[in-house]
Amino acid sequence: MGVSVSAAVAIIFSGFLVSASIFFAVFDSTVSKVLDSSNRTYDDMYERAHTTIAIKNATYDHTTLTLSLDIMNTGSTGIDARATQVILDGVLRTSCVDWNLTIIDGVSSHVWAPKTMLSLELKQLTYPQGEGPQRVKAVTGNGISDYTTDVYIPP
């Protein structure tokens, strides 16, 4: 009877060690994922809180069918210019932007640093003569936006 009790205790103790090690591995992985997610959320909130933009100029040219936009990064964080979306009169028109021609403060770049101007051109936009887009909205990759109805249309 002594050997069987000792064997049973050894088996139960071994099972307890195996289940505890599995529990610890799952618990550690879960805590790690929760902490990583929390850090990403904090980083996203920080970036959103420190991002602001302002549309400084919007000009539609009938001869070239092009809308030129100058947008200032007035916040304190850098932005990926390629993640910027442009909405004209409620329609997403980012596909009209040639990202290879993106200019930031006179330099071809995609890094939109604070206090720099992003210049975009949206091509192949057709509006009747003397008309152009009525509402222009620019939205950064993290959701911060600016809106204007002041679109200059040269005669």
N, C-alpha and C. Protein backbone atom coordinates (compact mmCIF):
# COMPACT_ATOMS: atom_id res chain seq x y z
N MET A 1 0.81 -1.18 0.00
CA MET A 1 0.00 0.00 0.00
C MET A 1 0.86 1.26 0.00
N GLY A 2 2.00 1.25 0.57
CA GLY A 2 2.88 2.42 0.62
C GLY A 2 3.41 2.79 -0.75
N VAL A 3 3.72 1.78 -1.58
CA VAL A 3 4.25 2.05 -2.91
C VAL A 3 3.16 2.62 -3.81
N SER A 4 1.96 2.10 -3.71
CA SER A 4 0.88 2.59 -4.57
C SER A 4 0.49 4.02 -4.20
N VAL A 5 0.51 4.37 -2.92
CA VAL A 5 0.18 5.74 -2.51
C VAL A 5 1.28 6.69 -3.00
N SER A 6 2.53 6.26 -2.85
CA SER A 6 3.64 7.10 -3.33
C SER A 6 3.58 7.28 -4.83
N ALA A 7 3.24 6.24 -5.57
CA ALA A 7 3.13 6.34 -7.02
C ALA A 7 1.98 7.26 -7.41
N ALA A 8 0.86 7.16 -6.69
CA ALA A 8 -0.30 8.02 -6.99
C ALA A 8 0.05 9.48 -6.72
N VAL A 9 0.74 9.74 -5.60
CA VAL A 9 1.14 11.11 -5.27
C VAL A 9 2.11 11.64 -6.33
N ALA A 10 3.03 10.80 -6.78
CA ALA A 10 4.00 11.21 -7.80
C ALA A 10 3.28 11.53 -9.11
N ILE A 11 2.30 10.72 -9.49
CA ILE A 11 1.55 10.97 -10.73
C ILE A 11 0.73 12.25 -10.61
N ILE A 12 0.06 12.45 -9.47
CA ILE A 12 -0.73 13.68 -9.28
C ILE A 12 0.17 14.90 -9.27
N PHE A 13 1.30 14.80 -8.58
CA PHE A 13 2.24 15.93 -8.52
C PHE A 13 2.79 16.24 -9.91
N SER A 14 3.11 15.20 -10.70
CA SER A 14 3.61 15.41 -12.07
C SER A 14 2.53 16.07 -12.93
N GLY A 15 1.30 15.63 -12.79
CA GLY A 15 0.19 16.25 -13.53
C GLY A 15 0.00 17.70 -13.13
N PHE A 16 0.14 18.00 -11.84
CA PHE A 16 0.03 19.37 -11.37
C PHE A 16 1.14 20.24 -11.97
N LEU A 17 2.37 19.72 -12.03
CA LEU A 17 3.48 20.48 -12.62
C LEU A 17 3.26 20.74 -14.10
N VAL A 18 2.79 19.74 -14.83
CA VAL A 18 2.53 19.90 -16.26
C VAL A 18 1.42 20.92 -16.49
N SER A 19 0.31 20.81 -15.74
CA SER A 19 -0.79 21.75 -15.94
C SER A 19 -0.40 23.16 -15.50
N ALA A 20 0.40 23.29 -14.45
CA ALA A 20 0.86 24.62 -14.01
C ALA A 20 1.77 25.25 -15.06
N SER A 21 2.64 24.45 -15.67
CA SER A 21 3.54 25.01 -16.69
C SER A 21 2.75 25.44 -17.94
N ILE A 22 1.72 24.69 -18.31
CA ILE A 22 0.87 25.08 -19.44
C ILE A 22 0.10 26.34 -19.11
N PHE A 23 -0.47 26.40 -17.90
CA PHE A 23 -1.20 27.59 -17.48
C PHE A 23 -0.29 28.82 -17.48
N PHE A 24 0.92 28.67 -16.96
CA PHE A 24 1.84 29.81 -16.91
C PHE A 24 2.20 30.29 -18.33
N ALA A 25 2.42 29.37 -19.25
CA ALA A 25 2.76 29.75 -20.62
C ALA A 25 1.61 30.52 -21.28
N VAL A 26 0.39 30.05 -21.10
CA VAL A 26 -0.78 30.73 -21.67
C VAL A 26 -0.99 32.08 -20.99
N PHE A 27 -0.87 32.12 -19.67
CA PHE A 27 -1.04 33.37 -18.92
C PHE A 27 0.00 34.40 -19.33
N ASP A 28 1.25 33.99 -19.45
CA ASP A 28 2.33 34.90 -19.84
C ASP A 28 2.10 35.44 -21.25
N SER A 29 1.70 34.57 -22.17
CA SER A 29 1.43 35.01 -23.54
C SER A 29 0.26 35.99 -23.58
N THR A 30 -0.78 35.73 -22.83
CA THR A 30 -1.95 36.61 -22.80
C THR A 30 -1.61 37.97 -22.22
N VAL A 31 -0.90 37.98 -21.11
CA VAL A 31 -0.51 39.25 -20.48
C VAL A 31 0.38 40.05 -21.42
N SER A 32 1.29 39.38 -22.10
CA SER A 32 2.18 40.06 -23.05
C SER A 32 1.38 40.70 -24.19
N LYS A 33 0.41 39.98 -24.72
CA LYS A 33 -0.41 40.52 -25.81
C LYS A 33 -1.27 41.70 -25.34
N VAL A 34 -1.81 41.61 -24.13
CA VAL A 34 -2.61 42.71 -23.59
C VAL A 34 -1.74 43.95 -23.39
N LEU A 35 -0.54 43.79 -22.86
CA LEU A 35 0.36 44.92 -22.65
C LEU A 35 0.79 45.55 -23.98
N ASP A 36 1.10 44.72 -24.98
CA ASP A 36 1.46 45.24 -26.30
C ASP A 36 0.31 46.03 -26.91
N SER A 37 -0.90 45.50 -26.81
CA SER A 37 -2.07 46.20 -27.33
C SER A 37 -2.29 47.52 -26.61
N SER A 38 -2.12 47.51 -25.31
CA SER A 38 -2.28 48.74 -24.52
C SER A 38 -1.25 49.78 -24.93
N ASN A 39 -0.02 49.36 -25.16
CA ASN A 39 1.02 50.30 -25.61
C ASN A 39 0.72 50.86 -26.98
N ARG A 40 0.23 50.02 -27.91
CA ARG A 40 -0.14 50.50 -29.24
C ARG A 40 -1.29 51.49 -29.16
N THR A 41 -2.26 51.21 -28.31
CA THR A 41 -3.39 52.12 -28.13
C THR A 41 -2.91 53.46 -27.59
N TYR A 42 -2.02 53.42 -26.62
CA TYR A 42 -1.47 54.66 -26.07
C TYR A 42 -0.72 55.44 -27.14
N ASP A 43 0.10 54.74 -27.94
CA ASP A 43 0.84 55.41 -29.00
C ASP A 43 -0.10 56.04 -30.02
N ASP A 44 -1.16 55.33 -30.39
CA ASP A 44 -2.15 55.86 -31.33
C ASP A 44 -2.85 57.09 -30.76
N MET A 45 -3.22 57.04 -29.48
CA MET A 45 -3.88 58.18 -28.85
C MET A 45 -2.94 59.37 -28.77
N TYR A 46 -1.67 59.12 -28.46
CA TYR A 46 -0.69 60.20 -28.38
C TYR A 46 -0.53 60.85 -29.76
N GLU A 47 -0.41 60.01 -30.79
CA GLU A 47 -0.24 60.53 -32.15
C GLU A 47 -1.45 61.35 -32.59
N ARG A 48 -2.65 60.86 -32.31
CA ARG A 48 -3.86 61.60 -32.67
C ARG A 48 -3.96 62.92 -31.92
N ALA A 49 -3.57 62.92 -30.65
CA ALA A 49 -3.65 64.14 -29.85
C ALA A 49 -2.67 65.21 -30.31
N HIS A 50 -1.59 64.79 -30.95
CA HIS A 50 -0.56 65.73 -31.37
C HIS A 50 -0.52 65.96 -32.87
N THR A 51 -1.56 65.52 -33.58
CA THR A 51 -1.64 65.70 -35.02
C THR A 51 -2.72 66.71 -35.35
N THR A 52 -2.36 67.74 -36.10
CA THR A 52 -3.34 68.66 -36.67
C THR A 52 -2.84 69.06 -38.05
N ILE A 53 -3.78 69.29 -38.96
CA ILE A 53 -3.43 69.74 -40.30
C ILE A 53 -4.33 70.92 -40.66
N ALA A 54 -3.89 71.69 -41.64
CA ALA A 54 -4.69 72.82 -42.11
C ALA A 54 -4.52 72.95 -43.62
N ILE A 55 -5.64 72.95 -44.36
CA ILE A 55 -5.58 73.16 -45.80
C ILE A 55 -5.35 74.65 -46.02
N LYS A 56 -4.22 75.00 -46.62
CA LYS A 56 -3.86 76.40 -46.82
C LYS A 56 -4.28 76.91 -48.19
N ASN A 57 -4.32 76.02 -49.18
CA ASN A 57 -4.66 76.45 -50.53
C ASN A 57 -5.29 75.29 -51.29
N ALA A 58 -6.35 75.59 -52.03
CA ALA A 58 -6.97 74.62 -52.94
C ALA A 58 -7.30 75.37 -54.22
N THR A 59 -6.67 74.95 -55.33
CA THR A 59 -6.86 75.62 -56.61
C THR A 59 -7.20 74.58 -57.67
N TYR A 60 -8.33 74.82 -58.37
CA TYR A 60 -8.71 73.91 -59.46
C TYR A 60 -8.44 74.60 -60.79
N ASP A 61 -7.69 73.92 -61.66
CA ASP A 61 -7.33 74.45 -62.98
C ASP A 61 -8.10 73.67 -64.05
N HIS A 62 -8.96 74.39 -64.82
CA HIS A 62 -9.77 73.74 -65.86
C HIS A 62 -8.93 73.25 -67.04
N THR A 63 -7.85 73.94 -67.34
CA THR A 63 -7.07 73.54 -68.51
C THR A 63 -6.33 72.23 -68.29
N THR A 64 -5.86 71.99 -67.09
CA THR A 64 -5.14 70.75 -66.81
C THR A 64 -5.99 69.73 -66.05
N LEU A 65 -7.24 70.11 -65.69
CA LEU A 65 -8.14 69.25 -64.92
C LEU A 65 -7.48 68.78 -63.62
N THR A 66 -6.79 69.72 -62.95
CA THR A 66 -6.00 69.40 -61.78
C THR A 66 -6.41 70.26 -60.59
N LEU A 67 -6.54 69.62 -59.44
CA LEU A 67 -6.74 70.32 -58.18
C LEU A 67 -5.43 70.30 -57.42
N SER A 68 -4.89 71.46 -57.13
CA SER A 68 -3.66 71.57 -56.35
C SER A 68 -4.01 71.88 -54.91
N LEU A 69 -3.44 71.11 -53.99
CA LEU A 69 -3.69 71.31 -52.57
C LEU A 69 -2.38 71.56 -51.85
N ASP A 70 -2.39 72.53 -50.95
CA ASP A 70 -1.28 72.77 -50.04
C ASP A 70 -1.83 72.57 -48.64
N ILE A 71 -1.27 71.58 -47.92
CA ILE A 71 -1.75 71.24 -46.59
C ILE A 71 -0.59 71.33 -45.62
N MET A 72 -0.77 72.09 -44.54
CA MET A 72 0.27 72.28 -43.54
C MET A 72 0.07 71.30 -42.38
N ASN A 73 1.17 70.65 -41.98
CA ASN A 73 1.16 69.83 -40.77
C ASN A 73 1.39 70.78 -39.60
N THR A 74 0.34 71.17 -38.92
CA THR A 74 0.45 72.14 -37.82
C THR A 74 0.62 71.45 -36.48
N GLY A 75 0.68 70.14 -36.46
CA GLY A 75 0.85 69.40 -35.21
C GLY A 75 2.31 69.24 -34.83
N SER A 76 2.56 68.35 -33.89
CA SER A 76 3.92 68.13 -33.42
C SER A 76 4.42 66.72 -33.68
N THR A 77 3.71 65.96 -34.53
CA THR A 77 4.16 64.61 -34.89
C THR A 77 4.31 64.50 -36.40
N GLY A 78 5.21 63.62 -36.81
CA GLY A 78 5.38 63.35 -38.23
C GLY A 78 4.25 62.47 -38.74
N ILE A 79 3.95 62.61 -40.02
CA ILE A 79 2.85 61.87 -40.64
C ILE A 79 3.37 61.22 -41.92
N ASP A 80 2.87 60.03 -42.23
CA ASP A 80 3.17 59.41 -43.52
C ASP A 80 2.22 60.03 -44.54
N ALA A 81 2.77 60.81 -45.45
CA ALA A 81 1.94 61.54 -46.42
C ALA A 81 1.15 60.60 -47.32
N ARG A 82 1.67 59.41 -47.58
CA ARG A 82 0.98 58.47 -48.46
C ARG A 82 -0.32 57.94 -47.86
N ALA A 83 -0.47 58.07 -46.55
CA ALA A 83 -1.69 57.60 -45.89
C ALA A 83 -2.78 58.67 -45.89
N THR A 84 -2.50 59.82 -46.46
CA THR A 84 -3.47 60.90 -46.50
C THR A 84 -4.53 60.61 -47.56
N GLN A 85 -5.79 60.80 -47.18
CA GLN A 85 -6.92 60.60 -48.08
C GLN A 85 -7.50 61.96 -48.45
N VAL A 86 -7.99 62.09 -49.67
CA VAL A 86 -8.62 63.33 -50.12
C VAL A 86 -10.04 63.02 -50.56
N ILE A 87 -10.98 63.79 -50.01
CA ILE A 87 -12.39 63.61 -50.33
C ILE A 87 -12.89 64.90 -50.98
N LEU A 88 -13.44 64.78 -52.19
CA LEU A 88 -13.98 65.92 -52.92
C LEU A 88 -15.49 65.75 -53.04
N ASP A 89 -16.22 66.71 -52.53
CA ASP A 89 -17.68 66.69 -52.60
C ASP A 89 -18.26 65.35 -52.13
N GLY A 90 -17.67 64.79 -51.07
CA GLY A 90 -18.18 63.56 -50.49
C GLY A 90 -17.70 62.28 -51.15
N VAL A 91 -16.82 62.39 -52.15
CA VAL A 91 -16.33 61.21 -52.87
C VAL A 91 -14.83 61.07 -52.63
N LEU A 92 -14.40 59.89 -52.22
CA LEU A 92 -12.98 59.62 -52.00
C LEU A 92 -12.25 59.67 -53.34
N ARG A 93 -11.27 60.57 -53.47
CA ARG A 93 -10.58 60.76 -54.75
C ARG A 93 -9.07 60.57 -54.62
N THR A 94 -8.62 59.84 -53.63
CA THR A 94 -7.19 59.65 -53.41
C THR A 94 -6.53 58.94 -54.59
N SER A 95 -7.28 58.16 -55.34
CA SER A 95 -6.70 57.45 -56.49
C SER A 95 -6.21 58.42 -57.56
N CYS A 96 -6.65 59.66 -57.53
CA CYS A 96 -6.22 60.67 -58.51
C CYS A 96 -4.88 61.30 -58.16
N VAL A 97 -4.35 60.99 -56.98
CA VAL A 97 -3.08 61.59 -56.54
C VAL A 97 -1.92 60.76 -57.08
N ASP A 98 -0.94 61.44 -57.68
CA ASP A 98 0.29 60.78 -58.09
C ASP A 98 1.27 60.91 -56.93
N TRP A 99 1.40 59.85 -56.12
CA TRP A 99 2.22 59.93 -54.91
C TRP A 99 3.70 60.05 -55.24
N ASN A 100 4.11 59.75 -56.47
CA ASN A 100 5.51 59.93 -56.85
C ASN A 100 5.84 61.41 -56.99
N LEU A 101 4.82 62.26 -57.13
CA LEU A 101 5.04 63.69 -57.28
C LEU A 101 4.73 64.45 -55.99
N THR A 102 4.60 63.73 -54.87
CA THR A 102 4.31 64.38 -53.60
C THR A 102 5.49 65.24 -53.20
N ILE A 103 5.20 66.50 -52.88
CA ILE A 103 6.24 67.46 -52.52
C ILE A 103 5.98 67.94 -51.09
N ILE A 104 7.00 67.88 -50.26
CA ILE A 104 6.92 68.40 -48.90
C ILE A 104 8.01 69.44 -48.75
N ASP A 105 7.59 70.70 -48.61
CA ASP A 105 8.51 71.84 -48.52
C ASP A 105 9.54 71.83 -49.65
N GLY A 106 9.08 71.60 -50.87
CA GLY A 106 9.94 71.67 -52.04
C GLY A 106 10.76 70.43 -52.32
N VAL A 107 10.63 69.39 -51.51
CA VAL A 107 11.41 68.17 -51.66
C VAL A 107 10.45 66.99 -51.87
N SER A 108 10.78 66.12 -52.81
CA SER A 108 9.97 64.94 -53.04
C SER A 108 10.17 63.97 -51.87
N SER A 109 9.11 63.75 -51.09
CA SER A 109 9.24 62.93 -49.88
C SER A 109 7.87 62.41 -49.48
N HIS A 110 7.87 61.43 -48.59
CA HIS A 110 6.63 60.92 -48.01
C HIS A 110 6.58 61.19 -46.51
N VAL A 111 7.68 61.68 -45.95
CA VAL A 111 7.74 61.98 -44.53
C VAL A 111 7.29 63.42 -44.33
N TRP A 112 6.14 63.57 -43.70
CA TRP A 112 5.52 64.87 -43.53
C TRP A 112 5.78 65.33 -42.10
N ALA A 113 6.87 66.04 -41.91
CA ALA A 113 7.31 66.48 -40.59
C ALA A 113 6.44 67.63 -40.09
N PRO A 114 6.47 67.90 -38.79
CA PRO A 114 5.72 69.04 -38.26
C PRO A 114 6.17 70.36 -38.88
N LYS A 115 5.22 71.26 -39.05
CA LYS A 115 5.45 72.61 -39.58
C LYS A 115 5.97 72.60 -41.02
N THR A 116 5.61 71.57 -41.78
CA THR A 116 5.98 71.53 -43.20
C THR A 116 4.70 71.46 -44.04
N MET A 117 4.83 71.85 -45.30
CA MET A 117 3.70 71.94 -46.22
C MET A 117 3.73 70.76 -47.19
N LEU A 118 2.61 70.06 -47.29
CA LEU A 118 2.44 68.97 -48.25
C LEU A 118 1.73 69.54 -49.46
N SER A 119 2.30 69.35 -50.64
CA SER A 119 1.67 69.80 -51.89
C SER A 119 1.26 68.57 -52.69
N LEU A 120 -0.04 68.48 -52.97
CA LEU A 120 -0.61 67.37 -53.73
C LEU A 120 -1.27 67.90 -54.99
N GLU A 121 -1.30 67.06 -56.01
CA GLU A 121 -2.07 67.37 -57.21
C GLU A 121 -2.97 66.19 -57.51
N LEU A 122 -4.25 66.48 -57.62
CA LEU A 122 -5.23 65.47 -58.02
C LEU A 122 -5.54 65.71 -59.49
N LYS A 123 -5.27 64.74 -60.32
CA LYS A 123 -5.38 64.90 -61.76
C LYS A 123 -6.64 64.23 -62.30
N GLN A 124 -7.00 64.61 -63.52
CA GLN A 124 -8.11 64.04 -64.28
C GLN A 124 -9.45 64.24 -63.58
N LEU A 125 -9.63 65.43 -63.02
CA LEU A 125 -10.91 65.79 -62.41
C LEU A 125 -11.69 66.62 -63.41
N THR A 126 -12.88 66.22 -63.72
CA THR A 126 -13.68 66.97 -64.70
C THR A 126 -14.86 67.62 -64.01
N TYR A 127 -14.93 68.92 -64.19
CA TYR A 127 -16.05 69.73 -63.70
C TYR A 127 -16.46 70.64 -64.84
N PRO A 128 -17.71 71.08 -64.88
CA PRO A 128 -18.14 72.03 -65.91
C PRO A 128 -17.32 73.32 -65.86
N GLN A 129 -17.20 73.98 -67.01
CA GLN A 129 -16.42 75.22 -67.09
C GLN A 129 -16.89 76.22 -66.03
N GLY A 130 -15.94 76.81 -65.31
CA GLY A 130 -16.25 77.79 -64.28
C GLY A 130 -16.60 77.17 -62.94
N GLU A 131 -16.66 75.86 -62.87
CA GLU A 131 -16.97 75.18 -61.62
C GLU A 131 -15.80 74.29 -61.22
N GLY A 132 -15.81 73.90 -59.99
CA GLY A 132 -14.79 73.00 -59.45
C GLY A 132 -15.37 72.31 -58.23
N PRO A 133 -14.54 71.61 -57.50
CA PRO A 133 -15.05 70.98 -56.29
C PRO A 133 -15.54 72.03 -55.29
N GLN A 134 -16.63 71.74 -54.63
CA GLN A 134 -17.20 72.67 -53.67
C GLN A 134 -16.66 72.43 -52.26
N ARG A 135 -16.39 71.18 -51.93
CA ARG A 135 -15.91 70.82 -50.60
C ARG A 135 -14.69 69.92 -50.74
N VAL A 136 -13.63 70.27 -50.03
CA VAL A 136 -12.40 69.49 -50.06
C VAL A 136 -12.06 69.13 -48.63
N LYS A 137 -11.82 67.83 -48.41
CA LYS A 137 -11.45 67.36 -47.08
C LYS A 137 -10.21 66.50 -47.20
N ALA A 138 -9.23 66.76 -46.35
CA ALA A 138 -8.02 65.94 -46.28
C ALA A 138 -8.02 65.22 -44.94
N VAL A 139 -7.73 63.92 -44.98
CA VAL A 139 -7.75 63.09 -43.78
C VAL A 139 -6.42 62.36 -43.67
N THR A 140 -5.75 62.50 -42.53
CA THR A 140 -4.48 61.81 -42.32
C THR A 140 -4.72 60.33 -42.05
N GLY A 141 -3.66 59.56 -42.02
CA GLY A 141 -3.78 58.13 -41.77
C GLY A 141 -4.36 57.79 -40.41
N ASN A 142 -4.19 58.70 -39.43
CA ASN A 142 -4.73 58.41 -38.10
C ASN A 142 -6.09 59.07 -37.87
N GLY A 143 -6.70 59.61 -38.93
CA GLY A 143 -8.07 60.10 -38.85
C GLY A 143 -8.24 61.58 -38.60
N ILE A 144 -7.17 62.33 -38.43
CA ILE A 144 -7.27 63.77 -38.22
C ILE A 144 -7.52 64.42 -39.58
N SER A 145 -8.42 65.41 -39.62
CA SER A 145 -8.79 65.97 -40.91
C SER A 145 -8.93 67.48 -40.86
N ASP A 146 -8.97 68.07 -42.05
CA ASP A 146 -9.32 69.47 -42.21
C ASP A 146 -10.21 69.57 -43.44
N TYR A 147 -10.99 70.64 -43.50
CA TYR A 147 -12.06 70.77 -44.47
C TYR A 147 -12.06 72.20 -44.98
N THR A 148 -12.29 72.38 -46.27
CA THR A 148 -12.43 73.73 -46.81
C THR A 148 -13.49 73.74 -47.91
N THR A 149 -14.14 74.89 -48.02
CA THR A 149 -15.05 75.14 -49.14
C THR A 149 -14.50 76.28 -49.98
N ASP A 150 -13.33 76.75 -49.64
CA ASP A 150 -12.69 77.88 -50.32
C ASP A 150 -11.74 77.35 -51.39
N VAL A 151 -12.31 76.99 -52.55
CA VAL A 151 -11.51 76.48 -53.67
C VAL A 151 -11.41 77.59 -54.72
N TYR A 152 -10.17 77.97 -55.02
CA TYR A 152 -9.93 79.01 -56.00
C TYR A 152 -10.00 78.41 -57.40
N ILE A 153 -10.79 79.04 -58.25
CA ILE A 153 -10.92 78.61 -59.66
C ILE A 153 -10.53 79.79 -60.52
N PRO A 154 -9.34 79.76 -61.12
CA PRO A 154 -8.93 80.89 -61.96
C PRO A 154 -9.84 81.04 -63.16
N PRO A 155 -10.03 82.28 -63.63
CA PRO A 155 -10.91 82.51 -64.79
C PRO A 155 -10.35 81.93 -66.08
